[in-house]
Amino acid sequence: MAGVCSLRSDEALGFPSTTDTDEFVEWTHGQPKATVFATYASLGTLERAHQAGLEPWDLIVIDEAHRVSGRIGKPWAAVHDNTKIPAASRLYMTATPRLWQASEAEDNDSASSGRGSGELVAAMDPHSPVFGTVAYELGLSTAIDAGIIAPYQVVCVDVADPLPTLSHAAGLSSRSRTPTGRPPQDCPVRDGAHRPGGGPVRLRETLATGL
C-alpha cells in the first residue's frame, strides 16, 4: 500500500507516500498486488510512472468524481484517459453528479486554465460515454432510513433587527458621510426592519451586502 501525494510519509497513516516518479515505480515494481491512494493533484506523477513502465491498474476507484467532470482537456480529466492512466475498469463515485452543457463547462474551466472552447465535455448524464451507465444509486432518504447517514434538519431563521447596521453605534457609515440614522432617500428599504416608534430603516445596498 502506498500514497501518491505531497503528504509526508510520517503523516501517511502507516504507509509510504511520495510524488517522486522513480521512487514510486521502484516501490511497485515486482509487486503482485498494490493498492495506491492518490490525489487528483498528483495524477501527473501517475502519468509519468506509466510512461516509465508502471503496469496498468485492474481497478481505479474515483471518489468525488464530479470533480473530474467538465472539460475533458483539463489536467484532472487525465484519469479518464486510458492512454495516460491505463486501467481495466473504473468506478466513479459521487453524491453530486454534474450535468454540463458545452458552453457551461468551457466558461467554468477556461477562466482558470486559459484553454479555449471546442473540447469534449465529460457530463455525468445516465448514459455518459465517459462515466458510463449508473451501476448503483442510493437516495438520501433511503440512506437515512437505513441508518447509513445521520438525519438532518434545515432551519431557516428570519431576524428583523431594528438597528441592522453595525456602524449605527458609531453614528456614521464608513461608506457614506450621511449618518446611518438618516440615510439618503434613494436607498432601498429593507423589508421587515423598522425604527422603534417610526418608519422603515433604510440601508445602502453596499452596507446590506457587507453585513
N, C-alpha and C. Protein backbone atom coordinates (compact mmCIF):
# COMPACT_ATOMS: atom_id res chain seq x y z
N MET A 1 0.85 -1.18 0.00
CA MET A 1 0.00 0.00 0.00
C MET A 1 0.89 1.24 0.00
N ALA A 2 0.52 2.22 -0.81
CA ALA A 2 1.33 3.43 -0.93
C ALA A 2 0.44 4.61 -1.28
N GLY A 3 0.96 5.79 -1.06
CA GLY A 3 0.25 7.01 -1.40
C GLY A 3 1.01 7.82 -2.42
N VAL A 4 0.28 8.46 -3.33
CA VAL A 4 0.89 9.38 -4.29
C VAL A 4 0.31 10.76 -4.02
N CYS A 5 0.99 11.51 -3.18
CA CYS A 5 0.54 12.84 -2.80
C CYS A 5 1.68 13.53 -2.08
N SER A 6 1.49 14.79 -1.74
CA SER A 6 2.55 15.56 -1.09
C SER A 6 2.60 15.33 0.41
N LEU A 7 1.73 14.49 0.94
CA LEU A 7 1.74 14.17 2.37
C LEU A 7 3.05 13.48 2.73
N ARG A 8 3.68 13.93 3.82
CA ARG A 8 4.92 13.31 4.24
C ARG A 8 4.66 11.88 4.73
N SER A 9 5.64 11.01 4.59
CA SER A 9 5.46 9.61 4.94
C SER A 9 5.09 9.43 6.41
N ASP A 10 5.63 10.28 7.29
CA ASP A 10 5.32 10.12 8.70
C ASP A 10 3.91 10.60 9.04
N GLU A 11 3.20 11.19 8.06
CA GLU A 11 1.82 11.61 8.28
C GLU A 11 0.84 10.74 7.50
N ALA A 12 1.32 9.70 6.85
CA ALA A 12 0.51 8.95 5.90
C ALA A 12 -0.16 7.72 6.48
N LEU A 13 -0.43 7.72 7.77
CA LEU A 13 -1.21 6.67 8.42
C LEU A 13 -0.60 5.28 8.21
N GLY A 14 0.71 5.20 8.30
CA GLY A 14 1.34 3.89 8.31
C GLY A 14 1.80 3.36 6.97
N PHE A 15 1.65 4.11 5.88
CA PHE A 15 2.17 3.64 4.59
C PHE A 15 2.94 4.76 3.93
N PRO A 16 3.90 4.41 3.08
CA PRO A 16 4.77 5.44 2.48
C PRO A 16 4.01 6.28 1.45
N SER A 17 4.48 7.50 1.28
CA SER A 17 3.85 8.43 0.34
C SER A 17 4.94 9.20 -0.39
N THR A 18 4.70 9.48 -1.67
CA THR A 18 5.70 10.19 -2.46
C THR A 18 5.05 10.85 -3.67
N THR A 19 5.73 11.82 -4.23
CA THR A 19 5.37 12.37 -5.54
C THR A 19 6.54 12.21 -6.51
N ASP A 20 7.55 11.45 -6.10
CA ASP A 20 8.71 11.18 -6.94
C ASP A 20 8.42 9.98 -7.83
N THR A 21 8.44 10.19 -9.14
CA THR A 21 8.07 9.14 -10.08
C THR A 21 8.97 7.91 -9.96
N ASP A 22 10.28 8.10 -9.94
CA ASP A 22 11.21 6.97 -9.87
C ASP A 22 11.02 6.18 -8.59
N GLU A 23 10.83 6.90 -7.48
CA GLU A 23 10.64 6.23 -6.20
C GLU A 23 9.36 5.40 -6.21
N PHE A 24 8.29 5.96 -6.78
CA PHE A 24 7.02 5.24 -6.82
C PHE A 24 7.12 4.00 -7.70
N VAL A 25 7.75 4.11 -8.85
CA VAL A 25 7.92 2.95 -9.73
C VAL A 25 8.73 1.87 -9.04
N GLU A 26 9.75 2.27 -8.29
CA GLU A 26 10.58 1.30 -7.57
C GLU A 26 9.76 0.58 -6.50
N TRP A 27 8.89 1.33 -5.80
CA TRP A 27 8.06 0.71 -4.76
C TRP A 27 7.14 -0.37 -5.34
N THR A 28 6.57 -0.11 -6.49
CA THR A 28 5.57 -1.01 -7.05
C THR A 28 6.15 -2.08 -7.97
N HIS A 29 7.40 -1.96 -8.34
CA HIS A 29 8.00 -2.90 -9.28
C HIS A 29 8.05 -4.31 -8.67
N GLY A 30 7.56 -5.28 -9.43
CA GLY A 30 7.63 -6.67 -8.98
C GLY A 30 6.58 -7.06 -7.97
N GLN A 31 5.73 -6.14 -7.56
CA GLN A 31 4.68 -6.47 -6.59
C GLN A 31 3.52 -7.15 -7.31
N PRO A 32 3.06 -8.32 -6.81
CA PRO A 32 1.92 -8.98 -7.45
C PRO A 32 0.63 -8.20 -7.30
N LYS A 33 0.50 -7.47 -6.20
CA LYS A 33 -0.67 -6.63 -5.96
C LYS A 33 -0.22 -5.33 -5.30
N ALA A 34 -0.90 -4.26 -5.60
CA ALA A 34 -0.58 -2.96 -4.99
C ALA A 34 -1.85 -2.13 -4.88
N THR A 35 -2.07 -1.56 -3.72
CA THR A 35 -3.17 -0.62 -3.50
C THR A 35 -2.57 0.76 -3.31
N VAL A 36 -2.97 1.69 -4.16
CA VAL A 36 -2.36 3.02 -4.15
C VAL A 36 -3.46 4.07 -3.99
N PHE A 37 -3.25 5.01 -3.09
CA PHE A 37 -4.13 6.15 -2.91
C PHE A 37 -3.45 7.37 -3.50
N ALA A 38 -4.18 8.09 -4.33
CA ALA A 38 -3.59 9.26 -4.99
C ALA A 38 -4.58 10.42 -4.98
N THR A 39 -4.05 11.62 -4.93
CA THR A 39 -4.90 12.81 -5.04
C THR A 39 -4.99 13.20 -6.52
N TYR A 40 -6.03 13.97 -6.84
CA TYR A 40 -6.17 14.44 -8.21
C TYR A 40 -4.98 15.31 -8.61
N ALA A 41 -4.48 16.07 -7.66
CA ALA A 41 -3.36 16.96 -7.96
C ALA A 41 -2.08 16.19 -8.28
N SER A 42 -2.02 14.91 -7.92
CA SER A 42 -0.82 14.10 -8.16
C SER A 42 -0.97 13.16 -9.35
N LEU A 43 -2.01 13.36 -10.17
CA LEU A 43 -2.20 12.49 -11.32
C LEU A 43 -1.02 12.54 -12.29
N GLY A 44 -0.34 13.68 -12.34
CA GLY A 44 0.83 13.80 -13.21
C GLY A 44 1.91 12.80 -12.85
N THR A 45 2.06 12.52 -11.54
CA THR A 45 3.04 11.53 -11.11
C THR A 45 2.67 10.15 -11.64
N LEU A 46 1.37 9.82 -11.60
CA LEU A 46 0.93 8.53 -12.12
C LEU A 46 1.16 8.44 -13.63
N GLU A 47 0.87 9.51 -14.34
CA GLU A 47 1.11 9.52 -15.79
C GLU A 47 2.57 9.23 -16.10
N ARG A 48 3.47 9.93 -15.42
CA ARG A 48 4.91 9.73 -15.68
C ARG A 48 5.35 8.33 -15.26
N ALA A 49 4.72 7.79 -14.21
CA ALA A 49 5.07 6.44 -13.77
C ALA A 49 4.70 5.41 -14.84
N HIS A 50 3.55 5.60 -15.48
CA HIS A 50 3.16 4.68 -16.55
C HIS A 50 4.08 4.83 -17.75
N GLN A 51 4.52 6.02 -18.02
CA GLN A 51 5.48 6.22 -19.10
C GLN A 51 6.80 5.52 -18.80
N ALA A 52 7.10 5.37 -17.49
CA ALA A 52 8.34 4.72 -17.07
C ALA A 52 8.19 3.22 -16.90
N GLY A 53 6.99 2.69 -17.22
CA GLY A 53 6.83 1.24 -17.19
C GLY A 53 5.89 0.70 -16.13
N LEU A 54 5.19 1.54 -15.39
CA LEU A 54 4.24 1.06 -14.40
C LEU A 54 3.12 0.27 -15.08
N GLU A 55 2.77 -0.88 -14.51
CA GLU A 55 1.75 -1.74 -15.09
C GLU A 55 0.36 -1.08 -14.99
N PRO A 56 -0.56 -1.43 -15.91
CA PRO A 56 -1.93 -0.92 -15.83
C PRO A 56 -2.63 -1.39 -14.56
N TRP A 57 -3.65 -0.66 -14.17
CA TRP A 57 -4.41 -0.98 -12.97
C TRP A 57 -5.54 -1.96 -13.32
N ASP A 58 -5.84 -2.82 -12.37
CA ASP A 58 -7.03 -3.67 -12.52
C ASP A 58 -8.29 -2.84 -12.31
N LEU A 59 -8.27 -1.95 -11.32
CA LEU A 59 -9.43 -1.13 -10.99
C LEU A 59 -8.97 0.21 -10.45
N ILE A 60 -9.57 1.27 -10.95
CA ILE A 60 -9.38 2.61 -10.37
C ILE A 60 -10.72 3.06 -9.80
N VAL A 61 -10.74 3.43 -8.54
CA VAL A 61 -11.94 3.95 -7.88
C VAL A 61 -11.77 5.46 -7.78
N ILE A 62 -12.65 6.21 -8.42
CA ILE A 62 -12.55 7.67 -8.46
C ILE A 62 -13.62 8.24 -7.54
N ASP A 63 -13.22 8.66 -6.35
CA ASP A 63 -14.17 9.26 -5.40
C ASP A 63 -14.33 10.75 -5.71
N GLU A 64 -15.45 11.33 -5.27
CA GLU A 64 -15.75 12.73 -5.58
C GLU A 64 -15.62 12.95 -7.09
N ALA A 65 -16.22 12.04 -7.86
CA ALA A 65 -15.98 12.01 -9.30
C ALA A 65 -16.51 13.23 -10.04
N HIS A 66 -17.40 14.00 -9.41
CA HIS A 66 -17.88 15.22 -10.07
C HIS A 66 -16.75 16.22 -10.30
N ARG A 67 -15.65 16.06 -9.57
CA ARG A 67 -14.52 16.98 -9.74
C ARG A 67 -13.79 16.75 -11.06
N VAL A 68 -13.99 15.60 -11.68
CA VAL A 68 -13.33 15.35 -12.96
C VAL A 68 -14.34 15.42 -14.11
N SER A 69 -15.50 16.01 -13.85
CA SER A 69 -16.44 16.29 -14.92
C SER A 69 -16.05 17.62 -15.56
N GLY A 70 -16.76 17.99 -16.63
CA GLY A 70 -16.47 19.25 -17.29
C GLY A 70 -15.56 19.04 -18.50
N ARG A 71 -14.68 19.99 -18.74
CA ARG A 71 -13.84 19.96 -19.94
C ARG A 71 -12.89 18.77 -19.90
N ILE A 72 -12.91 17.97 -20.94
CA ILE A 72 -12.15 16.73 -20.97
C ILE A 72 -10.65 16.99 -21.08
N GLY A 73 -10.24 18.21 -21.44
CA GLY A 73 -8.82 18.51 -21.59
C GLY A 73 -8.16 19.04 -20.34
N LYS A 74 -8.89 19.24 -19.24
CA LYS A 74 -8.26 19.79 -18.04
C LYS A 74 -7.40 18.71 -17.37
N PRO A 75 -6.39 19.10 -16.58
CA PRO A 75 -5.43 18.13 -16.04
C PRO A 75 -6.06 16.98 -15.27
N TRP A 76 -7.07 17.26 -14.43
CA TRP A 76 -7.65 16.19 -13.63
C TRP A 76 -8.41 15.18 -14.47
N ALA A 77 -8.81 15.56 -15.68
CA ALA A 77 -9.53 14.64 -16.55
C ALA A 77 -8.61 13.55 -17.11
N ALA A 78 -7.33 13.60 -16.81
CA ALA A 78 -6.41 12.54 -17.25
C ALA A 78 -6.82 11.19 -16.71
N VAL A 79 -7.56 11.18 -15.60
CA VAL A 79 -7.99 9.92 -15.01
C VAL A 79 -8.95 9.16 -15.93
N HIS A 80 -9.58 9.86 -16.89
CA HIS A 80 -10.46 9.19 -17.86
C HIS A 80 -9.69 8.52 -18.99
N ASP A 81 -8.46 8.97 -19.22
CA ASP A 81 -7.73 8.63 -20.43
C ASP A 81 -6.91 7.35 -20.24
N ASN A 82 -7.29 6.31 -20.95
CA ASN A 82 -6.61 5.03 -20.79
C ASN A 82 -5.23 5.03 -21.43
N THR A 83 -4.91 6.01 -22.23
CA THR A 83 -3.56 6.11 -22.77
C THR A 83 -2.61 6.79 -21.79
N LYS A 84 -3.17 7.52 -20.84
CA LYS A 84 -2.35 8.20 -19.83
C LYS A 84 -2.29 7.41 -18.53
N ILE A 85 -3.44 6.96 -18.06
CA ILE A 85 -3.52 6.16 -16.83
C ILE A 85 -4.35 4.92 -17.16
N PRO A 86 -3.72 3.87 -17.67
CA PRO A 86 -4.46 2.70 -18.15
C PRO A 86 -5.05 1.87 -17.00
N ALA A 87 -6.26 1.37 -17.21
CA ALA A 87 -6.93 0.53 -16.22
C ALA A 87 -7.94 -0.36 -16.92
N ALA A 88 -8.14 -1.55 -16.37
CA ALA A 88 -9.14 -2.47 -16.93
C ALA A 88 -10.55 -1.98 -16.64
N SER A 89 -10.76 -1.39 -15.46
CA SER A 89 -12.09 -0.91 -15.07
C SER A 89 -11.95 0.36 -14.24
N ARG A 90 -13.00 1.18 -14.30
CA ARG A 90 -13.08 2.38 -13.49
C ARG A 90 -14.43 2.44 -12.79
N LEU A 91 -14.41 2.83 -11.52
CA LEU A 91 -15.64 3.01 -10.76
C LEU A 91 -15.68 4.45 -10.28
N TYR A 92 -16.67 5.21 -10.76
CA TYR A 92 -16.81 6.61 -10.38
C TYR A 92 -17.88 6.71 -9.27
N MET A 93 -17.56 7.45 -8.22
CA MET A 93 -18.50 7.61 -7.11
C MET A 93 -18.68 9.10 -6.80
N THR A 94 -19.93 9.51 -6.62
CA THR A 94 -20.21 10.90 -6.26
C THR A 94 -21.60 10.99 -5.65
N ALA A 95 -21.78 11.97 -4.78
CA ALA A 95 -23.11 12.28 -4.24
C ALA A 95 -23.72 13.47 -4.96
N THR A 96 -22.93 14.11 -5.83
CA THR A 96 -23.41 15.31 -6.52
C THR A 96 -23.04 15.25 -7.99
N PRO A 97 -23.70 14.41 -8.76
CA PRO A 97 -23.37 14.32 -10.19
C PRO A 97 -23.63 15.64 -10.90
N ARG A 98 -22.79 15.95 -11.86
CA ARG A 98 -22.90 17.22 -12.58
C ARG A 98 -23.23 16.97 -14.05
N LEU A 99 -24.24 17.67 -14.51
CA LEU A 99 -24.62 17.61 -15.91
C LEU A 99 -24.23 18.93 -16.55
N TRP A 100 -23.41 18.86 -17.59
CA TRP A 100 -22.86 20.06 -18.20
C TRP A 100 -23.41 20.25 -19.60
N GLN A 101 -23.61 21.50 -19.95
CA GLN A 101 -23.71 21.87 -21.35
C GLN A 101 -22.33 22.35 -21.77
N ALA A 102 -22.03 22.22 -23.04
CA ALA A 102 -20.67 22.54 -23.51
C ALA A 102 -20.26 23.95 -23.13
N SER A 103 -21.16 24.92 -23.30
CA SER A 103 -20.79 26.30 -23.01
C SER A 103 -20.51 26.51 -21.54
N GLU A 104 -21.25 25.82 -20.65
CA GLU A 104 -21.05 25.96 -19.21
C GLU A 104 -19.68 25.41 -18.81
N ALA A 105 -19.33 24.25 -19.32
CA ALA A 105 -18.04 23.66 -18.98
C ALA A 105 -16.89 24.51 -19.49
N GLU A 106 -17.04 25.06 -20.68
CA GLU A 106 -15.98 25.90 -21.23
C GLU A 106 -15.81 27.17 -20.42
N ASP A 107 -16.93 27.80 -20.03
CA ASP A 107 -16.86 29.02 -19.23
C ASP A 107 -16.25 28.73 -17.88
N ASN A 108 -16.60 27.59 -17.27
CA ASN A 108 -16.12 27.25 -15.94
C ASN A 108 -14.63 26.97 -15.94
N ASP A 109 -14.13 26.31 -16.97
CA ASP A 109 -12.74 25.88 -16.96
C ASP A 109 -11.79 26.85 -17.62
N SER A 110 -12.23 27.55 -18.67
CA SER A 110 -11.31 28.38 -19.43
C SER A 110 -10.79 29.56 -18.64
N ALA A 111 -11.60 30.05 -17.69
CA ALA A 111 -11.18 31.21 -16.91
C ALA A 111 -9.94 30.90 -16.09
N SER A 112 -9.85 29.66 -15.57
CA SER A 112 -8.72 29.31 -14.73
C SER A 112 -7.58 28.68 -15.50
N SER A 113 -7.89 28.05 -16.61
CA SER A 113 -6.85 27.32 -17.33
C SER A 113 -6.33 28.04 -18.55
N GLY A 114 -7.13 28.99 -19.07
CA GLY A 114 -6.73 29.66 -20.28
C GLY A 114 -6.95 28.85 -21.54
N ARG A 115 -7.58 27.68 -21.39
CA ARG A 115 -7.84 26.86 -22.56
C ARG A 115 -9.08 27.34 -23.29
N GLY A 116 -9.10 27.17 -24.57
CA GLY A 116 -10.20 27.65 -25.38
C GLY A 116 -11.35 26.66 -25.46
N SER A 117 -12.35 27.04 -26.26
CA SER A 117 -13.53 26.20 -26.41
C SER A 117 -13.28 25.14 -27.48
N GLY A 118 -14.31 24.31 -27.70
CA GLY A 118 -14.22 23.32 -28.74
C GLY A 118 -13.77 21.96 -28.27
N GLU A 119 -13.51 21.77 -26.96
CA GLU A 119 -13.08 20.49 -26.46
C GLU A 119 -14.28 19.67 -26.03
N LEU A 120 -14.08 18.35 -25.92
CA LEU A 120 -15.14 17.47 -25.46
C LEU A 120 -15.47 17.77 -24.01
N VAL A 121 -16.70 17.45 -23.63
CA VAL A 121 -17.16 17.71 -22.27
C VAL A 121 -17.58 16.41 -21.61
N ALA A 122 -17.08 16.17 -20.40
CA ALA A 122 -17.44 14.99 -19.63
C ALA A 122 -18.60 15.34 -18.72
N ALA A 123 -19.81 14.94 -19.11
CA ALA A 123 -21.01 15.20 -18.31
C ALA A 123 -21.47 13.90 -17.68
N MET A 124 -22.02 13.98 -16.47
CA MET A 124 -22.41 12.79 -15.73
C MET A 124 -23.88 12.45 -15.96
N ASP A 125 -24.27 12.39 -17.21
CA ASP A 125 -25.64 12.01 -17.53
C ASP A 125 -25.75 10.48 -17.44
N PRO A 126 -26.98 9.93 -17.41
CA PRO A 126 -27.16 8.49 -17.15
C PRO A 126 -26.47 7.57 -18.14
N HIS A 127 -26.19 8.04 -19.36
CA HIS A 127 -25.54 7.19 -20.36
C HIS A 127 -24.30 7.88 -20.92
N SER A 128 -23.50 8.41 -20.01
CA SER A 128 -22.31 9.16 -20.41
C SER A 128 -21.29 8.24 -21.08
N PRO A 129 -20.73 8.66 -22.21
CA PRO A 129 -19.67 7.86 -22.83
C PRO A 129 -18.37 7.88 -22.04
N VAL A 130 -18.24 8.83 -21.11
CA VAL A 130 -17.05 8.91 -20.27
C VAL A 130 -17.26 8.18 -18.95
N PHE A 131 -18.34 8.50 -18.24
CA PHE A 131 -18.58 7.91 -16.93
C PHE A 131 -19.33 6.59 -16.99
N GLY A 132 -19.95 6.30 -18.12
CA GLY A 132 -20.69 5.05 -18.24
C GLY A 132 -22.07 5.13 -17.62
N THR A 133 -22.75 3.99 -17.58
CA THR A 133 -24.09 3.93 -17.00
C THR A 133 -23.99 3.85 -15.48
N VAL A 134 -25.07 4.19 -14.81
CA VAL A 134 -25.11 4.15 -13.35
C VAL A 134 -25.22 2.70 -12.89
N ALA A 135 -24.24 2.26 -12.10
CA ALA A 135 -24.24 0.88 -11.60
C ALA A 135 -25.12 0.72 -10.38
N TYR A 136 -25.15 1.73 -9.52
CA TYR A 136 -25.95 1.66 -8.30
C TYR A 136 -26.21 3.08 -7.82
N GLU A 137 -27.41 3.31 -7.32
CA GLU A 137 -27.77 4.63 -6.81
C GLU A 137 -28.48 4.48 -5.48
N LEU A 138 -28.06 5.24 -4.50
CA LEU A 138 -28.66 5.22 -3.17
C LEU A 138 -29.15 6.63 -2.86
N GLY A 139 -30.46 6.78 -2.71
CA GLY A 139 -31.03 8.08 -2.43
C GLY A 139 -30.78 8.54 -1.01
N LEU A 140 -30.86 9.84 -0.80
CA LEU A 140 -30.58 10.41 0.52
C LEU A 140 -31.56 9.90 1.57
N SER A 141 -32.86 9.93 1.29
CA SER A 141 -33.85 9.49 2.28
C SER A 141 -33.71 8.00 2.59
N THR A 142 -33.36 7.21 1.57
CA THR A 142 -33.16 5.77 1.78
C THR A 142 -31.97 5.52 2.68
N ALA A 143 -30.89 6.27 2.47
CA ALA A 143 -29.70 6.12 3.30
C ALA A 143 -29.96 6.53 4.74
N ILE A 144 -30.79 7.56 4.94
CA ILE A 144 -31.14 7.98 6.30
C ILE A 144 -31.99 6.91 6.97
N ASP A 145 -32.98 6.37 6.25
CA ASP A 145 -33.85 5.33 6.82
C ASP A 145 -33.07 4.07 7.17
N ALA A 146 -32.02 3.79 6.40
CA ALA A 146 -31.21 2.59 6.65
C ALA A 146 -30.17 2.81 7.74
N GLY A 147 -30.05 4.04 8.24
CA GLY A 147 -29.08 4.33 9.28
C GLY A 147 -27.66 4.47 8.78
N ILE A 148 -27.49 4.64 7.46
CA ILE A 148 -26.15 4.78 6.89
C ILE A 148 -25.59 6.17 7.13
N ILE A 149 -26.44 7.18 7.01
CA ILE A 149 -26.02 8.54 7.29
C ILE A 149 -26.98 9.14 8.32
N ALA A 150 -26.55 10.20 8.98
CA ALA A 150 -27.34 10.82 10.03
C ALA A 150 -28.47 11.66 9.42
N PRO A 151 -29.63 11.68 10.07
CA PRO A 151 -30.70 12.56 9.60
C PRO A 151 -30.32 14.02 9.82
N TYR A 152 -30.99 14.90 9.14
CA TYR A 152 -30.66 16.32 9.26
C TYR A 152 -31.93 17.14 9.19
N GLN A 153 -31.83 18.35 9.64
CA GLN A 153 -32.92 19.31 9.55
C GLN A 153 -32.37 20.61 8.98
N VAL A 154 -33.17 21.27 8.19
CA VAL A 154 -32.82 22.58 7.66
C VAL A 154 -33.61 23.62 8.44
N VAL A 155 -32.92 24.50 9.14
CA VAL A 155 -33.56 25.52 9.96
C VAL A 155 -33.30 26.88 9.32
N CYS A 156 -34.37 27.57 8.98
CA CYS A 156 -34.26 28.91 8.40
C CYS A 156 -34.68 29.94 9.44
N VAL A 157 -33.81 30.85 9.76
CA VAL A 157 -34.07 31.86 10.77
C VAL A 157 -34.21 33.22 10.10
N ASP A 158 -35.31 33.88 10.35
CA ASP A 158 -35.55 35.22 9.81
C ASP A 158 -35.51 36.21 10.96
N VAL A 159 -34.52 37.06 10.98
CA VAL A 159 -34.34 38.01 12.08
C VAL A 159 -34.55 39.42 11.57
N ALA A 160 -35.44 40.16 12.22
CA ALA A 160 -35.66 41.56 11.89
C ALA A 160 -35.04 42.40 13.00
N ASP A 161 -33.96 43.07 12.70
CA ASP A 161 -33.22 43.86 13.67
C ASP A 161 -33.62 45.32 13.52
N PRO A 162 -34.12 45.97 14.59
CA PRO A 162 -34.48 47.39 14.47
C PRO A 162 -33.28 48.29 14.22
N LEU A 163 -32.08 47.81 14.54
CA LEU A 163 -30.86 48.57 14.28
C LEU A 163 -29.92 47.67 13.48
N PRO A 164 -30.15 47.51 12.17
CA PRO A 164 -29.45 46.46 11.41
C PRO A 164 -28.04 46.77 10.98
N THR A 165 -27.56 48.00 11.12
CA THR A 165 -26.21 48.30 10.65
C THR A 165 -25.22 48.25 11.80
N LEU A 166 -24.09 47.61 11.53
CA LEU A 166 -23.05 47.52 12.54
C LEU A 166 -22.44 48.88 12.85
N SER A 167 -22.52 49.78 11.89
CA SER A 167 -21.91 51.09 12.08
C SER A 167 -22.85 52.07 12.78
N HIS A 168 -24.05 51.64 13.14
CA HIS A 168 -25.01 52.56 13.77
C HIS A 168 -24.48 53.09 15.11
N ALA A 169 -23.79 52.19 15.84
CA ALA A 169 -23.28 52.62 17.14
C ALA A 169 -22.29 53.77 17.00
N ALA A 170 -21.54 53.76 15.88
CA ALA A 170 -20.59 54.84 15.65
C ALA A 170 -21.28 56.09 15.13
N GLY A 171 -22.50 55.94 14.63
CA GLY A 171 -23.26 57.09 14.15
C GLY A 171 -22.95 57.52 12.75
N LEU A 172 -21.95 56.88 12.10
CA LEU A 172 -21.58 57.29 10.75
C LEU A 172 -21.04 56.09 10.01
N SER A 173 -21.58 55.85 8.82
CA SER A 173 -21.13 54.73 8.00
C SER A 173 -19.75 55.02 7.42
N SER A 174 -18.91 53.96 7.34
CA SER A 174 -17.60 54.12 6.75
C SER A 174 -17.68 54.30 5.24
N ARG A 175 -18.86 54.00 4.64
CA ARG A 175 -19.01 54.12 3.20
C ARG A 175 -19.86 55.32 2.81
N SER A 176 -20.29 56.11 3.77
CA SER A 176 -21.14 57.25 3.45
C SER A 176 -20.91 58.33 4.49
N ARG A 177 -21.03 59.59 4.07
CA ARG A 177 -20.92 60.70 5.00
C ARG A 177 -22.25 61.01 5.66
N THR A 178 -23.28 60.29 5.24
CA THR A 178 -24.60 60.51 5.81
C THR A 178 -24.74 59.69 7.09
N PRO A 179 -25.16 60.25 8.22
CA PRO A 179 -25.36 59.47 9.44
C PRO A 179 -26.28 58.30 9.16
N THR A 180 -25.95 57.14 9.77
CA THR A 180 -26.72 55.92 9.48
C THR A 180 -28.16 56.03 9.94
N GLY A 181 -28.42 56.90 10.91
CA GLY A 181 -29.80 57.07 11.34
C GLY A 181 -30.65 57.79 10.31
N ARG A 182 -30.02 58.52 9.38
CA ARG A 182 -30.74 59.27 8.34
C ARG A 182 -30.10 59.04 6.98
N PRO A 183 -30.20 57.84 6.45
CA PRO A 183 -29.60 57.60 5.13
C PRO A 183 -30.37 58.28 4.03
N PRO A 184 -29.77 58.41 2.86
CA PRO A 184 -30.43 59.09 1.75
C PRO A 184 -31.73 58.42 1.37
N GLN A 185 -32.65 59.20 0.81
CA GLN A 185 -33.97 58.69 0.49
C GLN A 185 -33.98 57.74 -0.69
N ASP A 186 -32.91 57.72 -1.49
CA ASP A 186 -32.90 56.82 -2.64
C ASP A 186 -32.38 55.44 -2.30
N CYS A 187 -32.06 55.19 -1.02
CA CYS A 187 -31.56 53.88 -0.63
C CYS A 187 -32.72 52.89 -0.54
N PRO A 188 -32.47 51.59 -0.86
CA PRO A 188 -33.56 50.61 -0.81
C PRO A 188 -34.02 50.34 0.60
N VAL A 189 -35.29 50.01 0.76
CA VAL A 189 -35.86 49.70 2.07
C VAL A 189 -35.66 48.24 2.36
N ARG A 190 -35.20 47.92 3.55
CA ARG A 190 -35.07 46.53 3.97
C ARG A 190 -36.39 46.08 4.57
N ASP A 191 -37.03 45.10 3.93
CA ASP A 191 -38.34 44.65 4.37
C ASP A 191 -38.29 44.13 5.79
N GLY A 192 -39.29 44.51 6.58
CA GLY A 192 -39.44 43.98 7.92
C GLY A 192 -38.61 44.68 8.97
N ALA A 193 -37.77 45.64 8.61
CA ALA A 193 -36.95 46.34 9.58
C ALA A 193 -37.49 47.75 9.78
N HIS A 194 -37.77 48.13 11.02
CA HIS A 194 -38.33 49.44 11.33
C HIS A 194 -37.61 50.03 12.53
N ARG A 195 -37.57 51.36 12.55
CA ARG A 195 -37.05 52.04 13.73
C ARG A 195 -38.08 51.97 14.84
N PRO A 196 -37.64 51.90 16.10
CA PRO A 196 -38.59 51.91 17.21
C PRO A 196 -39.47 53.15 17.15
N GLY A 197 -40.78 52.94 17.00
CA GLY A 197 -41.74 54.04 17.00
C GLY A 197 -41.73 54.87 15.75
N GLY A 198 -41.10 54.41 14.68
CA GLY A 198 -41.01 55.24 13.49
C GLY A 198 -41.16 54.44 12.21
N GLY A 199 -40.69 55.01 11.12
CA GLY A 199 -40.81 54.41 9.80
C GLY A 199 -39.74 53.38 9.55
N PRO A 200 -39.65 52.92 8.29
CA PRO A 200 -38.71 51.85 7.97
C PRO A 200 -37.26 52.32 8.00
N VAL A 201 -36.38 51.39 8.37
CA VAL A 201 -34.95 51.66 8.33
C VAL A 201 -34.48 51.51 6.90
N ARG A 202 -33.71 52.48 6.40
CA ARG A 202 -33.19 52.41 5.04
C ARG A 202 -31.70 52.16 5.07
N LEU A 203 -31.27 51.26 4.22
CA LEU A 203 -29.86 50.90 4.17
C LEU A 203 -29.31 51.11 2.77
N ARG A 204 -28.07 51.51 2.69
CA ARG A 204 -27.41 51.49 1.40
C ARG A 204 -27.20 50.04 0.99
N GLU A 205 -27.33 49.77 -0.27
CA GLU A 205 -27.18 48.39 -0.75
C GLU A 205 -25.79 47.85 -0.43
N THR A 206 -24.78 48.73 -0.46
CA THR A 206 -23.43 48.27 -0.17
C THR A 206 -23.30 47.84 1.28
N LEU A 207 -24.00 48.53 2.18
CA LEU A 207 -23.97 48.15 3.59
C LEU A 207 -24.69 46.83 3.82
N ALA A 208 -25.83 46.67 3.18
CA ALA A 208 -26.60 45.45 3.35
C ALA A 208 -25.81 44.25 2.85
N THR A 209 -25.05 44.45 1.78
CA THR A 209 -24.23 43.36 1.25
C THR A 209 -23.10 43.01 2.18
N GLY A 210 -22.58 43.99 2.86
CA GLY A 210 -21.41 43.75 3.72
C GLY A 210 -21.73 43.15 5.05
N LEU A 211 -23.00 43.09 5.43
CA LEU A 211 -23.33 42.55 6.75
C LEU A 211 -23.24 41.04 6.77
